[in-house]
């Protein structure tokens, strides 16, 4: 699960950039990359939080 969050940090901004570039040009590509990066950061934070909560059970 943690590896999926790390991989998403690379893949989602690239996919967002390509989708935005195809749909609306360079400006939309940058916005798409930003949105993809925010989504990937949220996924990574969620995975890290789940690992912390799982480790605290005693």
N, C-alpha and C. Protein backbone atom coordinates (compact mmCIF):
# COMPACT_ATOMS: atom_id res chain seq x y z
N UNK A 1 0.82 -1.19 0.00
CA UNK A 1 0.00 0.00 0.00
C UNK A 1 0.87 1.26 0.00
N UNK A 2 1.96 1.20 0.76
CA UNK A 2 2.85 2.36 0.82
C UNK A 2 3.55 2.56 -0.52
N UNK A 3 3.91 1.47 -1.19
CA UNK A 3 4.57 1.57 -2.50
C UNK A 3 3.63 2.16 -3.54
N UNK A 4 2.35 1.86 -3.41
CA UNK A 4 1.37 2.43 -4.34
C UNK A 4 1.32 3.95 -4.20
N UNK A 5 1.42 4.45 -2.99
CA UNK A 5 1.43 5.90 -2.77
C UNK A 5 2.67 6.55 -3.34
N UNK A 6 3.80 5.86 -3.23
CA UNK A 6 5.05 6.41 -3.78
C UNK A 6 5.01 6.40 -5.32
N UNK A 7 4.49 5.35 -5.88
CA UNK A 7 4.39 5.26 -7.33
C UNK A 7 3.41 6.30 -7.87
N UNK A 8 2.37 6.56 -7.11
CA UNK A 8 1.38 7.55 -7.54
C UNK A 8 1.98 8.95 -7.62
N UNK A 9 3.01 9.23 -6.80
CA UNK A 9 3.65 10.55 -6.85
C UNK A 9 4.30 10.83 -8.20
N UNK A 10 4.63 9.79 -8.91
CA UNK A 10 5.24 9.96 -10.24
C UNK A 10 4.17 9.87 -11.33
N UNK A 11 3.28 8.91 -11.19
CA UNK A 11 2.35 8.60 -12.27
C UNK A 11 1.21 9.62 -12.39
N UNK A 12 0.59 9.98 -11.28
CA UNK A 12 -0.58 10.87 -11.37
C UNK A 12 -0.27 12.26 -11.92
N UNK A 13 0.82 12.92 -11.51
CA UNK A 13 1.11 14.21 -12.14
C UNK A 13 1.38 14.09 -13.65
N UNK A 14 2.05 13.02 -14.05
CA UNK A 14 2.29 12.83 -15.48
C UNK A 14 1.00 12.61 -16.25
N UNK A 15 0.12 11.77 -15.69
CA UNK A 15 -1.16 11.54 -16.35
C UNK A 15 -2.00 12.82 -16.41
N UNK A 16 -1.98 13.58 -15.32
CA UNK A 16 -2.71 14.85 -15.30
C UNK A 16 -2.16 15.83 -16.31
N UNK A 17 -0.84 15.88 -16.43
CA UNK A 17 -0.23 16.78 -17.41
C UNK A 17 -0.60 16.39 -18.83
N UNK A 18 -0.52 15.11 -19.12
CA UNK A 18 -0.84 14.64 -20.48
C UNK A 18 -2.31 14.88 -20.80
N UNK A 19 -3.19 14.58 -19.84
CA UNK A 19 -4.62 14.78 -20.08
C UNK A 19 -4.93 16.26 -20.27
N UNK A 20 -4.35 17.12 -19.45
CA UNK A 20 -4.58 18.55 -19.59
C UNK A 20 -4.00 19.10 -20.88
N UNK A 21 -2.85 18.59 -21.27
CA UNK A 21 -2.20 19.03 -22.50
C UNK A 21 -3.05 18.68 -23.72
N UNK A 22 -3.61 17.49 -23.71
CA UNK A 22 -4.46 17.06 -24.83
C UNK A 22 -5.75 17.86 -24.88
N UNK A 23 -6.34 18.11 -23.71
CA UNK A 23 -7.64 18.77 -23.68
C UNK A 23 -7.58 20.28 -23.83
N UNK A 24 -6.53 20.92 -23.28
CA UNK A 24 -6.60 22.37 -23.28
C UNK A 24 -5.30 23.10 -23.47
N UNK A 25 -4.24 22.44 -23.85
CA UNK A 25 -2.99 23.14 -24.08
C UNK A 25 -2.06 23.11 -22.86
N UNK A 26 -1.02 23.93 -22.95
CA UNK A 26 0.03 23.89 -21.94
C UNK A 26 -0.45 24.36 -20.56
N UNK A 27 -1.25 25.39 -20.51
CA UNK A 27 -1.77 25.88 -19.23
C UNK A 27 -2.62 24.84 -18.52
N UNK A 28 -3.49 24.20 -19.27
CA UNK A 28 -4.33 23.15 -18.69
C UNK A 28 -3.48 21.95 -18.28
N UNK A 29 -2.41 21.71 -19.01
CA UNK A 29 -1.50 20.62 -18.64
C UNK A 29 -0.84 20.85 -17.30
N UNK A 30 -0.44 22.10 -17.06
CA UNK A 30 0.17 22.43 -15.77
C UNK A 30 -0.86 22.32 -14.64
N UNK A 31 -2.08 22.75 -14.89
CA UNK A 31 -3.12 22.59 -13.88
C UNK A 31 -3.40 21.11 -13.62
N UNK A 32 -3.45 20.33 -14.67
CA UNK A 32 -3.68 18.89 -14.52
C UNK A 32 -2.57 18.23 -13.73
N UNK A 33 -1.32 18.64 -13.98
CA UNK A 33 -0.20 18.09 -13.23
C UNK A 33 -0.29 18.48 -11.76
N UNK A 34 -0.71 19.71 -11.49
CA UNK A 34 -0.86 20.15 -10.10
C UNK A 34 -1.95 19.37 -9.37
N UNK A 35 -3.06 19.16 -10.05
CA UNK A 35 -4.16 18.40 -9.45
C UNK A 35 -3.73 16.95 -9.23
N UNK A 36 -3.01 16.39 -10.19
CA UNK A 36 -2.49 15.03 -10.03
C UNK A 36 -1.52 14.92 -8.87
N UNK A 37 -0.69 15.93 -8.69
CA UNK A 37 0.27 15.93 -7.57
C UNK A 37 -0.46 16.02 -6.24
N UNK A 38 -1.47 16.86 -6.15
CA UNK A 38 -2.24 16.97 -4.91
C UNK A 38 -2.94 15.65 -4.60
N UNK A 39 -3.52 15.01 -5.61
CA UNK A 39 -4.18 13.72 -5.39
C UNK A 39 -3.18 12.67 -4.92
N UNK A 40 -1.99 12.67 -5.52
CA UNK A 40 -0.97 11.70 -5.12
C UNK A 40 -0.47 11.97 -3.70
N UNK A 41 -0.33 13.23 -3.34
CA UNK A 41 0.09 13.56 -1.97
C UNK A 41 -0.96 13.12 -0.96
N UNK A 42 -2.23 13.29 -1.30
CA UNK A 42 -3.29 12.83 -0.41
C UNK A 42 -3.29 11.31 -0.27
N UNK A 43 -3.03 10.60 -1.36
CA UNK A 43 -2.94 9.15 -1.29
C UNK A 43 -1.78 8.71 -0.42
N UNK A 44 -0.64 9.36 -0.56
CA UNK A 44 0.53 9.02 0.24
C UNK A 44 0.30 9.32 1.72
N UNK A 45 -0.33 10.44 1.99
CA UNK A 45 -0.61 10.80 3.38
C UNK A 45 -1.59 9.82 4.01
N UNK A 46 -2.57 9.38 3.24
CA UNK A 46 -3.53 8.41 3.74
C UNK A 46 -2.85 7.08 4.04
N UNK A 47 -1.97 6.65 3.16
CA UNK A 47 -1.24 5.39 3.39
C UNK A 47 -0.32 5.51 4.60
N UNK A 48 0.34 6.63 4.76
CA UNK A 48 1.22 6.83 5.92
C UNK A 48 0.41 6.86 7.21
N UNK A 49 -0.73 7.52 7.20
CA UNK A 49 -1.58 7.58 8.38
C UNK A 49 -2.09 6.19 8.75
N UNK A 50 -2.45 5.38 7.75
CA UNK A 50 -2.90 4.01 8.03
C UNK A 50 -1.78 3.18 8.64
N UNK A 51 -0.57 3.37 8.17
CA UNK A 51 0.56 2.62 8.73
C UNK A 51 0.84 3.05 10.18
N UNK A 52 0.73 4.33 10.45
CA UNK A 52 0.95 4.82 11.82
C UNK A 52 -0.13 4.29 12.75
N UNK A 53 -1.39 4.32 12.32
CA UNK A 53 -2.47 3.83 13.17
C UNK A 53 -2.36 2.32 13.38
N UNK A 54 -1.94 1.59 12.37
CA UNK A 54 -1.79 0.13 12.52
C UNK A 54 -0.64 -0.20 13.46
N UNK A 55 0.39 0.62 13.48
CA UNK A 55 1.53 0.37 14.34
C UNK A 55 1.27 0.72 15.79
N UNK A 56 0.30 1.54 16.08
CA UNK A 56 0.03 1.98 17.45
C UNK A 56 -0.88 1.02 18.22
N UNK A 57 -1.48 0.04 17.56
CA UNK A 57 -2.36 -0.88 18.26
C UNK A 57 -1.55 -1.77 19.19
N UNK A 58 -1.87 -1.70 20.48
CA UNK A 58 -1.18 -2.55 21.47
C UNK A 58 -2.17 -3.14 22.40
